[in-house]
Amino acid sequence: MHLIYLILLWTFLLLFILRVLGQIYVAIYQVSWLPPMSEWYSGVMPYYLLLPSQFTIIMLMTMIVYDFTRASGFFFVTDPTTSTALIILSIIYFSAMVIRYIIKMTRHPEQRWFGESIPILFHSVLATFLFLCGTYSRVV
């Protein structure tokens, strides 16, 4: 079971890295084979602030996955209180993204199913990452 968790955690980290690199690539080169810049982020936070925060998230996720790979360290969650908090937080986070998606698709039916959904999808990836961190000590 430990190996399955590691594979999933590394996969979600890689997906998030690819998302950030894809957005950078589109911002610089405006390639036609990737979605346009407007679909990569909601615009709530300006890109010059979003990018450093994404790099911070990548660094944090990397440290977390590294600790889970070693099965020790500051980010290796075994405490039941922390585990429960992560599970609750991740469920709220994921649920908020489901609601956000439903609202978006209700307001913009022309964008069904995936129009401008990249931010929602990757927030869901982050929520699932947190869920895995929280459930690890209960399953493994």
Protein backbone atom coordinates (compact mmCIF):
# COMPACT_ATOMS: atom_id res chain seq x y z
CA MET A 1 0.00 0.00 0.00
CA HIS A 2 2.92 2.36 0.75
CA LEU A 3 4.08 2.03 -2.87
CA ILE A 4 0.63 2.91 -4.22
CA TYR A 5 0.57 6.07 -2.11
CA LEU A 6 4.05 7.01 -3.27
CA ILE A 7 3.14 6.51 -6.92
CA LEU A 8 0.02 8.65 -6.49
CA LEU A 9 1.82 11.41 -4.58
CA TRP A 10 4.65 11.56 -7.14
CA THR A 11 2.09 11.51 -9.97
CA PHE A 12 0.12 14.44 -8.53
CA LEU A 13 3.36 16.36 -8.00
CA LEU A 14 4.39 15.69 -11.61
CA LEU A 15 0.94 16.72 -12.89
CA PHE A 16 1.14 20.01 -11.02
CA ILE A 17 4.68 20.66 -12.30
CA LEU A 18 3.52 19.98 -15.87
CA ARG A 19 0.57 22.33 -15.37
CA VAL A 20 2.86 25.15 -14.24
CA LEU A 21 5.36 24.49 -17.05
CA GLY A 22 2.53 24.38 -19.58
CA GLN A 23 1.25 27.72 -18.41
CA ILE A 24 4.74 29.26 -18.55
CA TYR A 25 5.21 27.86 -22.06
CA VAL A 26 1.91 29.36 -23.22
CA ALA A 27 2.72 32.70 -21.57
CA ILE A 28 6.07 32.92 -23.35
CA TYR A 29 5.43 31.27 -26.72
CA GLN A 30 1.62 31.43 -27.12
CA VAL A 31 1.58 28.07 -28.89
CA SER A 32 -1.61 26.94 -30.58
CA TRP A 33 -1.39 23.30 -29.48
CA LEU A 34 -2.02 24.20 -25.83
CA PRO A 35 -5.03 26.08 -24.44
CA PRO A 36 -4.69 29.89 -24.49
CA MET A 37 -3.44 31.75 -21.42
CA SER A 38 -6.98 32.76 -20.43
CA GLU A 39 -7.84 29.11 -19.78
CA TRP A 40 -4.87 28.44 -17.48
CA TYR A 41 -5.94 30.66 -14.63
CA SER A 42 -9.07 32.38 -13.38
CA GLY A 43 -7.51 35.82 -13.15
CA VAL A 44 -8.31 36.20 -9.45
CA MET A 45 -4.59 36.54 -8.75
CA PRO A 46 -2.33 38.32 -11.27
CA TYR A 47 0.08 35.97 -13.02
CA TYR A 48 3.15 37.72 -11.58
CA LEU A 49 1.89 36.68 -8.12
CA LEU A 50 0.43 33.34 -9.17
CA LEU A 51 3.67 31.96 -10.62
CA PRO A 52 5.78 32.40 -7.44
CA SER A 53 2.98 30.89 -5.37
CA GLN A 54 2.88 27.90 -7.73
CA PHE A 55 6.64 27.45 -7.34
CA THR A 56 6.18 27.58 -3.56
CA ILE A 57 3.50 24.89 -3.80
CA ILE A 58 5.81 22.74 -5.95
CA MET A 59 8.64 23.08 -3.42
CA LEU A 60 6.31 22.22 -0.55
CA MET A 61 4.83 19.23 -2.41
CA THR A 62 8.35 18.03 -3.25
CA MET A 63 9.38 18.16 0.42
CA ILE A 64 6.19 16.31 1.40
CA VAL A 65 6.68 13.58 -1.21
CA TYR A 66 10.34 13.26 -0.24
CA ASP A 67 9.39 12.72 3.41
CA PHE A 68 6.71 10.20 2.45
CA THR A 69 9.24 8.39 0.25
CA ARG A 70 11.60 8.09 3.25
CA ALA A 71 8.67 7.35 5.60
CA SER A 72 10.05 9.95 8.02
CA GLY A 73 10.56 13.66 8.39
CA PHE A 74 8.62 16.78 9.26
CA PHE A 75 5.94 16.31 6.57
CA PHE A 76 5.43 12.58 7.09
CA VAL A 77 1.95 12.63 8.64
CA THR A 78 1.30 10.02 11.31
CA ASP A 79 -0.38 12.16 13.97
CA PRO A 80 -4.14 11.39 14.06
CA THR A 81 -5.08 15.04 14.69
CA THR A 82 -3.06 16.32 11.74
CA SER A 83 -4.31 13.44 9.62
CA THR A 84 -7.94 14.24 10.43
CA ALA A 85 -7.41 17.95 9.78
CA LEU A 86 -5.88 17.20 6.35
CA ILE A 87 -8.75 14.89 5.45
CA ILE A 88 -11.40 17.45 6.45
CA LEU A 89 -9.55 20.29 4.71
CA SER A 90 -9.11 18.25 1.53
CA ILE A 91 -12.79 17.24 1.43
CA ILE A 92 -13.87 20.87 1.85
CA TYR A 93 -11.34 21.98 -0.80
CA PHE A 94 -12.41 19.30 -3.29
CA SER A 95 -16.11 19.96 -2.63
CA ALA A 96 -15.57 23.67 -3.24
CA MET A 97 -14.03 22.81 -6.62
CA VAL A 98 -17.01 20.61 -7.52
CA ILE A 99 -19.35 23.47 -6.61
CA ARG A 100 -17.18 25.93 -8.55
CA TYR A 101 -17.32 23.65 -11.60
CA ILE A 102 -21.12 23.29 -11.36
CA ILE A 103 -21.57 27.06 -11.06
CA LYS A 104 -19.20 27.73 -13.95
CA MET A 105 -20.89 25.23 -16.24
CA THR A 106 -24.34 26.51 -15.26
CA ARG A 107 -23.34 30.09 -16.03
CA HIS A 108 -21.38 29.21 -19.18
CA PRO A 109 -23.01 26.16 -20.81
CA GLU A 110 -21.09 26.87 -24.03
CA GLN A 111 -17.90 25.82 -22.21
CA ARG A 112 -19.10 22.32 -21.29
CA TRP A 113 -17.36 20.05 -20.39
CA PHE A 114 -13.84 21.32 -20.14
CA GLY A 115 -13.87 24.96 -21.20
CA GLU A 116 -11.63 27.02 -18.92
CA SER A 117 -11.57 24.19 -16.37
CA ILE A 118 -7.79 23.86 -15.95
CA PRO A 119 -7.68 25.80 -12.65
CA ILE A 120 -10.57 23.77 -11.23
CA LEU A 121 -9.00 20.49 -12.32
CA PHE A 122 -5.64 21.30 -10.75
CA HIS A 123 -7.13 22.60 -7.53
CA SER A 124 -8.79 19.18 -7.40
CA VAL A 125 -5.37 17.58 -7.91
CA LEU A 126 -4.03 19.58 -4.94
CA ALA A 127 -7.06 18.63 -2.81
CA THR A 128 -6.54 14.95 -3.64
CA PHE A 129 -2.85 15.27 -2.77
CA LEU A 130 -3.83 16.60 0.68
CA PHE A 131 -6.37 13.79 1.07
CA LEU A 132 -3.70 11.19 0.34
CA CYS A 133 -1.36 12.77 2.89
CA GLY A 134 -4.13 12.68 5.48
CA THR A 135 -5.30 9.13 4.84
CA TYR A 136 -1.83 7.58 4.57
CA SER A 137 -1.38 6.77 8.27
CA ARG A 138 -4.88 5.30 8.47
CA VAL A 139 -4.43 2.97 5.52
CA VAL A 140 -0.79 1.95 5.48
